[in-house]
C-alpha atoms as a PDB file:
ATOM      1  CA  UNK A   1     -12.984 -11.258 -20.004  1.00  0.00           C
ATOM      2  CA  UNK A   2     -14.007 -13.642 -17.490  1.00  0.00           C
ATOM      3  CA  UNK A   3     -14.289 -11.640 -14.138  1.00  0.00           C
ATOM      4  CA  UNK A   4     -12.414 -12.217 -11.000  1.00  0.00           C
ATOM      5  CA  UNK A   5     -16.293 -12.463  -9.338  1.00  0.00           C
ATOM      6  CA  UNK A   6     -17.264 -15.222 -11.068  1.00  0.00           C
ATOM      7  CA  UNK A   7     -13.965 -17.405 -11.754  1.00  0.00           C
ATOM      8  CA  UNK A   8     -14.325 -17.267  -7.351  1.00  0.00           C
ATOM      9  CA  UNK A   9     -17.727 -18.285  -7.337  1.00  0.00           C
ATOM     10  CA  UNK A  10     -17.039 -21.133  -9.803  1.00  0.00           C
ATOM     11  CA  UNK A  11     -14.107 -22.187  -7.083  1.00  0.00           C
ATOM     12  CA  UNK A  12     -11.204 -21.158  -9.804  1.00  0.00           C
ATOM     13  CA  UNK A  13      -7.622 -20.545  -9.033  1.00  0.00           C
ATOM     14  CA  UNK A  14      -7.713 -16.671  -9.274  1.00  0.00           C
ATOM     15  CA  UNK A  15      -3.644 -15.099  -9.873  1.00  0.00           C
ATOM     16  CA  UNK A  16      -3.174 -11.626  -9.646  1.00  0.00           C
ATOM     17  CA  UNK A  17      -0.143  -9.614  -8.893  1.00  0.00           C
ATOM     18  CA  UNK A  18       0.353  -5.745  -7.057  1.00  0.00           C
ATOM     19  CA  UNK A  19       1.097  -2.676  -8.748  1.00  0.00           C
ATOM     20  CA  UNK A  20       1.944   0.428  -6.667  1.00  0.00           C
ATOM     21  CA  UNK A  21       5.175   1.782  -6.745  1.00  0.00           C
ATOM     22  CA  UNK A  22       5.793   1.402 -10.517  1.00  0.00           C
ATOM     23  CA  UNK A  23       2.102   1.421 -11.457  1.00  0.00           C
ATOM     24  CA  UNK A  24       2.899   2.608 -15.518  1.00  0.00           C
ATOM     25  CA  UNK A  25       0.053   1.811 -18.003  1.00  0.00           C
ATOM     26  CA  UNK A  26       3.283  -0.139 -19.990  1.00  0.00           C
ATOM     27  CA  UNK A  27       4.146  -2.277 -16.446  1.00  0.00           C
ATOM     28  CA  UNK A  28       0.818  -3.524 -16.381  1.00  0.00           C
ATOM     29  CA  UNK A  29       0.244  -4.149 -20.158  1.00  0.00           C
ATOM     30  CA  UNK A  30       3.817  -5.532 -20.044  1.00  0.00           C
ATOM     31  CA  UNK A  31       2.444  -7.981 -17.724  1.00  0.00           C
ATOM     32  CA  UNK A  32      -0.544  -8.919 -18.822  1.00  0.00           C
ATOM     33  CA  UNK A  33       0.622  -9.976 -22.622  1.00  0.00           C
ATOM     34  CA  UNK A  34       2.835 -12.588 -21.159  1.00  0.00           C
ATOM     35  CA  UNK A  35      -0.370 -14.357 -19.750  1.00  0.00           C
ATOM     36  CA  UNK A  36      -0.728 -16.326 -16.756  1.00  0.00           C
ATOM     37  CA  UNK A  37      -2.530 -13.431 -14.809  1.00  0.00           C
ATOM     38  CA  UNK A  38      -6.533 -13.169 -14.064  1.00  0.00           C
ATOM     39  CA  UNK A  39      -5.994  -9.779 -12.390  1.00  0.00           C
ATOM     40  CA  UNK A  40      -4.023  -6.660 -11.057  1.00  0.00           C
ATOM     41  CA  UNK A  41      -4.918  -4.724  -7.724  1.00  0.00           C
ATOM     42  CA  UNK A  42      -3.659  -1.123  -7.522  1.00  0.00           C
ATOM     43  CA  UNK A  43      -2.324  -0.554  -4.060  1.00  0.00           C
ATOM     44  CA  UNK A  44      -3.306   2.969  -3.050  1.00  0.00           C
ATOM     45  CA  UNK A  45      -3.210   2.113   0.697  1.00  0.00           C
ATOM     46  CA  UNK A  46       0.530   2.499   0.170  1.00  0.00           C
ATOM     47  CA  UNK A  47       1.163   4.471  -2.685  1.00  0.00           C
ATOM     48  CA  UNK A  48      -1.984   7.307  -2.758  1.00  0.00           C
ATOM     49  CA  UNK A  49      -1.599   8.025  -6.703  1.00  0.00           C
ATOM     50  CA  UNK A  50      -3.442  10.178  -8.544  1.00  0.00           C
ATOM     51  CA  UNK A  51      -7.069   9.701  -9.999  1.00  0.00           C
ATOM     52  CA  UNK A  52      -5.122  10.611 -13.340  1.00  0.00           C
ATOM     53  CA  UNK A  53      -2.530   7.451 -12.733  1.00  0.00           C
ATOM     54  CA  UNK A  54      -5.553   4.959 -11.381  1.00  0.00           C
ATOM     55  CA  UNK A  55      -7.784   5.770 -14.633  1.00  0.00           C
ATOM     56  CA  UNK A  56      -4.678   5.243 -16.694  1.00  0.00           C
ATOM     57  CA  UNK A  57      -3.666   1.921 -14.472  1.00  0.00           C
ATOM     58  CA  UNK A  58      -7.511   0.432 -14.866  1.00  0.00           C
ATOM     59  CA  UNK A  59      -7.378   1.182 -19.040  1.00  0.00           C
ATOM     60  CA  UNK A  60      -4.099  -0.775 -19.392  1.00  0.00           C
ATOM     61  CA  UNK A  61      -5.838  -3.591 -17.677  1.00  0.00           C
ATOM     62  CA  UNK A  62      -8.425  -3.703 -19.579  1.00  0.00           C
ATOM     63  CA  UNK A  63      -6.397  -3.415 -22.664  1.00  0.00           C
ATOM     64  CA  UNK A  64      -4.696  -6.839 -21.987  1.00  0.00           C
ATOM     65  CA  UNK A  65      -7.805  -8.551 -20.056  1.00  0.00           C
ATOM     66  CA  UNK A  66      -6.874  -8.290 -17.058  1.00  0.00           C
ATOM     67  CA  UNK A  67      -9.593  -7.413 -14.380  1.00  0.00           C
ATOM     68  CA  UNK A  68      -8.547  -4.498 -11.768  1.00  0.00           C
ATOM     69  CA  UNK A  69      -9.208  -3.886  -8.490  1.00  0.00           C
ATOM     70  CA  UNK A  70      -8.037  -1.552  -5.660  1.00  0.00           C
ATOM     71  CA  UNK A  71      -7.012  -1.889  -2.098  1.00  0.00           C
ATOM     72  CA  UNK A  72      -7.560   1.450  -0.377  1.00  0.00           C
ATOM     73  CA  UNK A  73      -7.344   1.873   3.307  1.00  0.00           C
ATOM     74  CA  UNK A  74     -11.479   2.111   4.655  1.00  0.00           C
ATOM     75  CA  UNK A  75     -11.512   5.806   5.472  1.00  0.00           C
ATOM     76  CA  UNK A  76     -12.827   7.441   2.645  1.00  0.00           C
ATOM     77  CA  UNK A  77     -16.407   6.836   1.490  1.00  0.00           C
ATOM     78  CA  UNK A  78     -15.575   8.826  -1.386  1.00  0.00           C
ATOM     79  CA  UNK A  79     -12.425   6.797  -2.314  1.00  0.00           C
ATOM     80  CA  UNK A  80     -14.862   3.843  -2.758  1.00  0.00           C
ATOM     81  CA  UNK A  81     -16.761   4.809  -4.948  1.00  0.00           C
ATOM     82  CA  UNK A  82     -14.352   6.451  -7.038  1.00  0.00           C
ATOM     83  CA  UNK A  83     -12.226   3.313  -7.261  1.00  0.00           C
ATOM     84  CA  UNK A  84     -15.731   2.623  -9.014  1.00  0.00           C
ATOM     85  CA  UNK A  85     -16.130   5.193 -11.709  1.00  0.00           C
ATOM     86  CA  UNK A  86     -12.128   5.336 -12.452  1.00  0.00           C
ATOM     87  CA  UNK A  87     -12.506   2.082 -14.038  1.00  0.00           C
ATOM     88  CA  UNK A  88     -12.068  -0.730 -11.456  1.00  0.00           C
ATOM     89  CA  UNK A  89     -13.798  -3.476 -10.834  1.00  0.00           C
ATOM     90  CA  UNK A  90     -13.786  -3.962  -7.360  1.00  0.00           C
ATOM     91  CA  UNK A  91     -12.280  -1.943  -4.321  1.00  0.00           C
ATOM     92  CA  UNK A  92     -10.481  -4.138  -1.253  1.00  0.00           C
ATOM     93  CA  UNK A  93     -10.274  -3.100   2.405  1.00  0.00           C
ATOM     94  CA  UNK A  94      -6.768  -2.601   3.898  1.00  0.00           C
ATOM     95  CA  UNK A  95      -6.454  -3.065   7.965  1.00  0.00           C
ATOM     96  CA  UNK A  96      -9.865  -4.053   8.677  1.00  0.00           C
ATOM     97  CA  UNK A  97     -10.642  -4.289  12.857  1.00  0.00           C
ATOM     98  CA  UNK A  98     -14.146  -5.566  12.798  1.00  0.00           C
ATOM     99  CA  UNK A  99     -17.505  -7.053  10.969  1.00  0.00           C
ATOM    100  CA  UNK A 100     -18.975  -3.521  11.959  1.00  0.00           C
ATOM    101  CA  UNK A 101     -16.589  -1.908   9.244  1.00  0.00           C
ATOM    102  CA  UNK A 102     -16.818  -4.821   6.962  1.00  0.00           C
ATOM    103  CA  UNK A 103     -20.307  -3.541   6.748  1.00  0.00           C
ATOM    104  CA  UNK A 104     -19.867   0.048   6.408  1.00  0.00           C
ATOM    105  CA  UNK A 105     -17.095  -0.337   3.615  1.00  0.00           C
ATOM    106  CA  UNK A 106     -19.692  -2.705   1.793  1.00  0.00           C
ATOM    107  CA  UNK A 107     -22.615  -0.127   2.284  1.00  0.00           C
ATOM    108  CA  UNK A 108     -20.129   2.387   0.831  1.00  0.00           C
ATOM    109  CA  UNK A 109     -19.654   0.112  -1.883  1.00  0.00           C
ATOM    110  CA  UNK A 110     -22.990  -0.429  -3.090  1.00  0.00           C
ATOM    111  CA  UNK A 111     -26.344   1.414  -4.170  1.00  0.00           C
ATOM    112  CA  UNK A 112     -29.618   1.139  -2.494  1.00  0.00           C
ATOM    113  CA  UNK A 113     -31.178  -1.665  -1.029  1.00  0.00           C
ATOM    114  CA  UNK A 114     -27.591  -2.719   0.127  1.00  0.00           C
ATOM    115  CA  UNK A 115     -25.332   0.823   0.512  1.00  0.00           C
ATOM    116  CA  UNK A 116     -25.481   4.465   0.197  1.00  0.00           C
ATOM    117  CA  UNK A 117     -23.261   4.465  -2.286  1.00  0.00           C
ATOM    118  CA  UNK A 118     -23.822   8.195  -3.680  1.00  0.00           C
ATOM    119  CA  UNK A 119     -25.554   7.427  -7.417  1.00  0.00           C
ATOM    120  CA  UNK A 120     -23.470   9.140 -10.486  1.00  0.00           C
ATOM    121  CA  UNK A 121     -23.731   7.663 -13.738  1.00  0.00           C
ATOM    122  CA  UNK A 122     -20.943   9.789 -15.159  1.00  0.00           C
ATOM    123  CA  UNK A 123     -17.923   7.399 -14.470  1.00  0.00           C
ATOM    124  CA  UNK A 124     -17.278   4.572 -16.247  1.00  0.00           C
ATOM    125  CA  UNK A 125     -19.181   2.130 -14.416  1.00  0.00           C
ATOM    126  CA  UNK A 126     -22.242   4.131 -15.561  1.00  0.00           C
ATOM    127  CA  UNK A 127     -20.991   4.006 -19.343  1.00  0.00           C
ATOM    128  CA  UNK A 128     -19.900   7.436 -18.921  1.00  0.00           C
ATOM    129  CA  UNK A 129     -23.846   8.530 -17.941  1.00  0.00           C
ATOM    130  CA  UNK A 130     -25.014   6.382 -21.222  1.00  0.00           C
ATOM    131  CA  UNK A 131     -26.803   3.351 -18.569  1.00  0.00           C
ATOM    132  CA  UNK A 132     -30.280   4.571 -17.417  1.00  0.00           C
ATOM    133  CA  UNK A 133     -29.768   5.031 -13.231  1.00  0.00           C
ATOM    134  CA  UNK A 134     -31.807   2.126 -12.326  1.00  0.00           C
ATOM    135  CA  UNK A 135     -30.096  -0.017 -14.850  1.00  0.00           C
ATOM    136  CA  UNK A 136     -26.785   1.204 -13.636  1.00  0.00           C
ATOM    137  CA  UNK A 137     -27.452   0.661  -9.453  1.00  0.00           C
ATOM    138  CA  UNK A 138     -28.641  -3.263 -10.201  1.00  0.00           C
ATOM    139  CA  UNK A 139     -25.862  -4.198 -12.650  1.00  0.00           C
ATOM    140  CA  UNK A 140     -23.463  -2.629 -10.244  1.00  0.00           C
ATOM    141  CA  UNK A 141     -24.486  -4.071  -7.313  1.00  0.00           C
ATOM    142  CA  UNK A 142     -24.617  -7.240  -9.183  1.00  0.00           C
ATOM    143  CA  UNK A 143     -20.771  -7.051 -10.645  1.00  0.00           C
ATOM    144  CA  UNK A 144     -18.455  -5.234  -8.051  1.00  0.00           C
ATOM    145  CA  UNK A 145     -15.859  -6.690  -6.514  1.00  0.00           C
ATOM    146  CA  UNK A 146     -15.664  -6.148  -2.772  1.00  0.00           C
ATOM    147  CA  UNK A 147     -12.821  -7.819  -0.828  1.00  0.00           C
ATOM    148  CA  UNK A 148     -12.172  -7.256   2.834  1.00  0.00           C
ATOM    149  CA  UNK A 149      -8.136  -7.701   3.890  1.00  0.00           C
ATOM    150  CA  UNK A 150      -7.583 -10.128   7.157  1.00  0.00           C
ATOM    151  CA  UNK A 151      -4.730  -8.757   9.243  1.00  0.00           C
ATOM    152  CA  UNK A 152      -5.405  -7.828  12.708  1.00  0.00           C
ATOM    153  CA  UNK A 153      -6.109  -9.260  15.269  1.00  0.00           C
ATOM    154  CA  UNK A 154      -9.005  -8.301  15.707  1.00  0.00           C
ATOM    155  CA  UNK A 155      -9.990  -9.160  11.837  1.00  0.00           C
ATOM    156  CA  UNK A 156      -8.752 -12.857  12.861  1.00  0.00           C
ATOM    157  CA  UNK A 157     -11.077 -12.895  15.587  1.00  0.00           C
ATOM    158  CA  UNK A 158     -14.234 -11.629  14.004  1.00  0.00           C
ATOM    159  CA  UNK A 159     -13.283 -13.814  10.681  1.00  0.00           C
ATOM    160  CA  UNK A 160     -16.842 -15.883  10.879  1.00  0.00           C
ATOM    161  CA  UNK A 161     -18.767 -12.298  11.157  1.00  0.00           C
ATOM    162  CA  UNK A 162     -17.049 -10.603   8.878  1.00  0.00           C
ATOM    163  CA  UNK A 163     -17.515 -13.754   6.126  1.00  0.00           C
ATOM    164  CA  UNK A 164     -21.425 -13.636   6.830  1.00  0.00           C
ATOM    165  CA  UNK A 165     -21.537 -10.290   5.485  1.00  0.00           C
ATOM    166  CA  UNK A 166     -23.802 -10.069   2.635  1.00  0.00           C
ATOM    167  CA  UNK A 167     -21.613  -7.928  -0.883  1.00  0.00           C
ATOM    168  CA  UNK A 168     -18.175  -9.825   0.712  1.00  0.00           C
ATOM    169  CA  UNK A 169     -16.746 -11.341  -1.925  1.00  0.00           C
ATOM    170  CA  UNK A 170     -13.809 -12.578  -0.798  1.00  0.00           C
ATOM    171  CA  UNK A 171     -11.247 -12.310   2.455  1.00  0.00           C
ATOM    172  CA  UNK A 172      -8.011 -11.567   1.605  1.00  0.00           C
ATOM    173  CA  UNK A 173      -5.243 -12.619   4.010  1.00  0.00           C
ATOM    174  CA  UNK A 174      -2.290 -10.067   4.332  1.00  0.00           C
ATOM    175  CA  UNK A 175       0.662 -12.465   5.790  1.00  0.00           C
ATOM    176  CA  UNK A 176       3.082  -9.512   6.454  1.00  0.00           C
ATOM    177  CA  UNK A 177       1.202  -7.785   8.991  1.00  0.00           C
ATOM    178  CA  UNK A 178      -0.463 -10.919  10.364  1.00  0.00           C
ATOM    179  CA  UNK A 179       3.105 -12.536  11.020  1.00  0.00           C
ATOM    180  CA  UNK A 180       3.248  -8.745  12.979  1.00  0.00           C
ATOM    181  CA  UNK A 181       0.160  -8.824  15.249  1.00  0.00           C
ATOM    182  CA  UNK A 182       1.256 -12.320  16.143  1.00  0.00           C
ATOM    183  CA  UNK A 183       4.819 -11.049  17.168  1.00  0.00           C
ATOM    184  CA  UNK A 184       6.679 -13.342  14.646  1.00  0.00           C
ATOM    185  CA  UNK A 185       8.026 -10.414  11.579  1.00  0.00           C
ATOM    186  CA  UNK A 186       7.993 -12.628   8.420  1.00  0.00           C
ATOM    187  CA  UNK A 187       7.582 -15.892   9.693  1.00  0.00           C
ATOM    188  CA  UNK A 188       4.920 -16.310   7.663  1.00  0.00           C
ATOM    189  CA  UNK A 189       4.472 -20.462   8.605  1.00  0.00           C
ATOM    190  CA  UNK A 190       4.582 -19.468  11.817  1.00  0.00           C
ATOM    191  CA  UNK A 191       1.906 -21.875  13.268  1.00  0.00           C
ATOM    192  CA  UNK A 192       0.360 -18.872  15.138  1.00  0.00           C
ATOM    193  CA  UNK A 193      -0.446 -17.492  11.725  1.00  0.00           C
ATOM    194  CA  UNK A 194      -1.221 -20.781  10.443  1.00  0.00           C
ATOM    195  CA  UNK A 195      -3.895 -21.017  12.760  1.00  0.00           C
ATOM    196  CA  UNK A 196      -5.314 -18.047  11.434  1.00  0.00           C
ATOM    197  CA  UNK A 197      -5.749 -19.096   8.309  1.00  0.00           C
ATOM    198  CA  UNK A 198      -7.578 -21.746   8.998  1.00  0.00           C
ATOM    199  CA  UNK A 199     -10.013 -19.476  11.052  1.00  0.00           C
ATOM    200  CA  UNK A 200     -10.289 -17.683   7.415  1.00  0.00           C
ATOM    201  CA  UNK A 201     -10.374 -20.540   5.547  1.00  0.00           C
ATOM    202  CA  UNK A 202     -13.584 -22.349   8.662  1.00  0.00           C
ATOM    203  CA  UNK A 203     -15.015 -18.565   7.999  1.00  0.00           C
ATOM    204  CA  UNK A 204     -15.420 -18.731   4.109  1.00  0.00           C
ATOM    205  CA  UNK A 205     -15.826 -22.954   3.866  1.00  0.00           C
ATOM    206  CA  UNK A 206     -19.226 -22.014   6.637  1.00  0.00           C
ATOM    207  CA  UNK A 207     -20.665 -19.095   4.614  1.00  0.00           C
ATOM    208  CA  UNK A 208     -19.715 -20.040   0.795  1.00  0.00           C
ATOM    209  CA  UNK A 209     -17.140 -17.477   0.138  1.00  0.00           C
ATOM    210  CA  UNK A 210     -13.665 -17.823  -1.503  1.00  0.00           C
ATOM    211  CA  UNK A 211     -10.556 -16.172   0.156  1.00  0.00           C
ATOM    212  CA  UNK A 212      -6.715 -14.783  -0.842  1.00  0.00           C
ATOM    213  CA  UNK A 213      -3.505 -13.684   0.353  1.00  0.00           C
ATOM    214  CA  UNK A 214      -0.465 -12.528  -0.724  1.00  0.00           C
ATOM    215  CA  UNK A 215       2.094 -15.602  -0.811  1.00  0.00           C
ATOM    216  CA  UNK A 216       5.871 -14.986  -0.540  1.00  0.00           C
ATOM    217  CA  UNK A 217       6.846 -18.252  -1.961  1.00  0.00           C
ATOM    218  CA  UNK A 218       6.018 -21.676  -3.445  1.00  0.00           C
ATOM    219  CA  UNK A 219       5.923 -23.233  -0.532  1.00  0.00           C
ATOM    220  CA  UNK A 220       3.909 -20.583   1.408  1.00  0.00           C
ATOM    221  CA  UNK A 221       1.796 -21.171  -2.120  1.00  0.00           C
ATOM    222  CA  UNK A 222       1.306 -24.844  -1.501  1.00  0.00           C
ATOM    223  CA  UNK A 223       0.194 -24.289   2.171  1.00  0.00           C
ATOM    224  CA  UNK A 224      -2.420 -21.735   1.283  1.00  0.00           C
ATOM    225  CA  UNK A 225      -3.555 -23.876  -2.099  1.00  0.00           C
ATOM    226  CA  UNK A 226      -4.416 -27.000   0.279  1.00  0.00           C
ATOM    227  CA  UNK A 227      -6.222 -24.800   2.963  1.00  0.00           C
ATOM    228  CA  UNK A 228      -8.358 -23.978  -0.070  1.00  0.00           C
ATOM    229  CA  UNK A 229      -7.115 -20.575  -0.831  1.00  0.00           C
ATOM    230  CA  UNK A 230      -8.156 -19.557  -4.281  1.00  0.00           C
ATOM    231  CA  UNK A 231      -6.577 -16.450  -4.828  1.00  0.00           C
ATOM    232  CA  UNK A 232      -3.332 -16.264  -5.332  1.00  0.00           C
ATOM    233  CA  UNK A 233      -0.957 -13.205  -5.162  1.00  0.00           C
ATOM    234  CA  UNK A 234       2.639 -14.010  -6.160  1.00  0.00           C
ATOM    235  CA  UNK A 235       4.601 -10.765  -6.769  1.00  0.00           C
ATOM    236  CA  UNK A 236       4.128  -7.285  -7.441  1.00  0.00           C
ATOM    237  CA  UNK A 237       6.089  -4.451  -9.591  1.00  0.00           C
ATOM    238  CA  UNK A 238       8.757  -3.989  -7.129  1.00  0.00           C
ATOM    239  CA  UNK A 239       9.828  -7.564  -6.492  1.00  0.00           C
ATOM    240  CA  UNK A 240       9.906  -8.643 -10.560  1.00  0.00           C
ATOM    241  CA  UNK A 241      12.505  -6.054 -11.147  1.00  0.00           C
ATOM    242  CA  UNK A 242      14.525  -7.091  -7.951  1.00  0.00           C
ATOM    243  CA  UNK A 243      14.338 -10.453  -9.619  1.00  0.00           C
ATOM    244  CA  UNK A 244      14.942  -9.415 -12.776  1.00  0.00           C
ATOM    245  CA  UNK A 245      18.186  -7.613 -11.979  1.00  0.00           C
ATOM    246  CA  UNK A 246      19.327 -10.410  -9.627  1.00  0.00           C
ATOM    247  CA  UNK A 247      18.688 -13.062 -12.931  1.00  0.00           C
ATOM    248  CA  UNK A 248      20.407 -10.491 -14.970  1.00  0.00           C
ATOM    249  CA  UNK A 249      23.171 -10.701 -12.468  1.00  0.00           C
ATOM    250  CA  UNK A 250      23.368 -14.426 -12.479  1.00  0.00           C
ATOM    251  CA  UNK A 251      23.740 -14.481 -15.948  1.00  0.00           C
ATOM    252  CA  UNK A 252      26.292 -12.417 -16.725  1.00  0.00           C
ATOM    253  CA  UNK A 253      28.156 -13.292 -13.278  1.00  0.00           C
ATOM    254  CA  UNK A 254      31.702 -12.963 -14.337  1.00  0.00           C
ATOM    255  CA  UNK A 255      30.889  -9.275 -15.562  1.00  0.00           C
ATOM    256  CA  UNK A 256      29.465  -8.360 -12.349  1.00  0.00           C
ATOM    257  CA  UNK A 257      32.404  -9.944 -10.385  1.00  0.00           C
ATOM    258  CA  UNK A 258      35.181  -7.833 -12.535  1.00  0.00           C
END
C-alpha cells in the first residue's frame, strides 16, 4: 500500500472519501473493494465515535489497501496520539485559526526533536511494543501524515505561515465552512471562495506542499484540480447512501409513483 504522504510527495492525485455517521467496517471495506480510492478520512470532529469503533475502522481500511487519517478538533493533545496508536496513518486538524495553532498541532503529532508527543510503543504504530523506542520515534516522525484544514478567514490570511511549518504535509480546504466564513453559504464557486483557494494554492507552491479539498461536484473538482489540488474528497457515507436511494428510485420510478 503506497502511503498518501508518498503519493502527494510525487504530485500524484489522491482520492479519498469520508466516513462518520455510518463508520462501519463493512462500509469501509465495501468501498475499498470497489477500487479507485486511495484512502478514507474518519470524521471524529462531527461524530466523536469510540476508540473501539475507530480502531475497527482502521483495521478495515488496511484490510482493503486504504490508508486512513482522522479529522479531529485541535483541542486535545491526548486524542492526537490516540489516533496514531489506534492505527491511523495521519491526523487532520479542523477549524485551525492561526499558524501558531497549527504549529502546536504538529508538535502534538511528532516526537522529539520536532515535537512533544508522549512516547508509548504499546499501540499499533509501535507494533504493540515490538519496536525499539528510538526506531519507533524516528519512523513515526518520518511517516505520520499531518493535514491542516483551511476553513476560517484567519486561516486563509495565515495560509502562507501555515504552509511554511515543518511537519505540515497538506493544507485541506473545507468549502462549506469557508463559504460560511465569507457569508456566501453553499456558493462554493463564489469569487471570494476562489480567491481564498488561490491564496492556499500559492502558499503551498511557495513552500513545496500539497493541498486538498472536499468537492461537491465535477465542476468544482475540475476547478480545484486546475489550481493544483492533489487530494480530492468527492463523497462521504451519507452522500453515498442518498445517491444510492435516488438511483433506485429513478431505476424503479414507476413503482415509487404509485
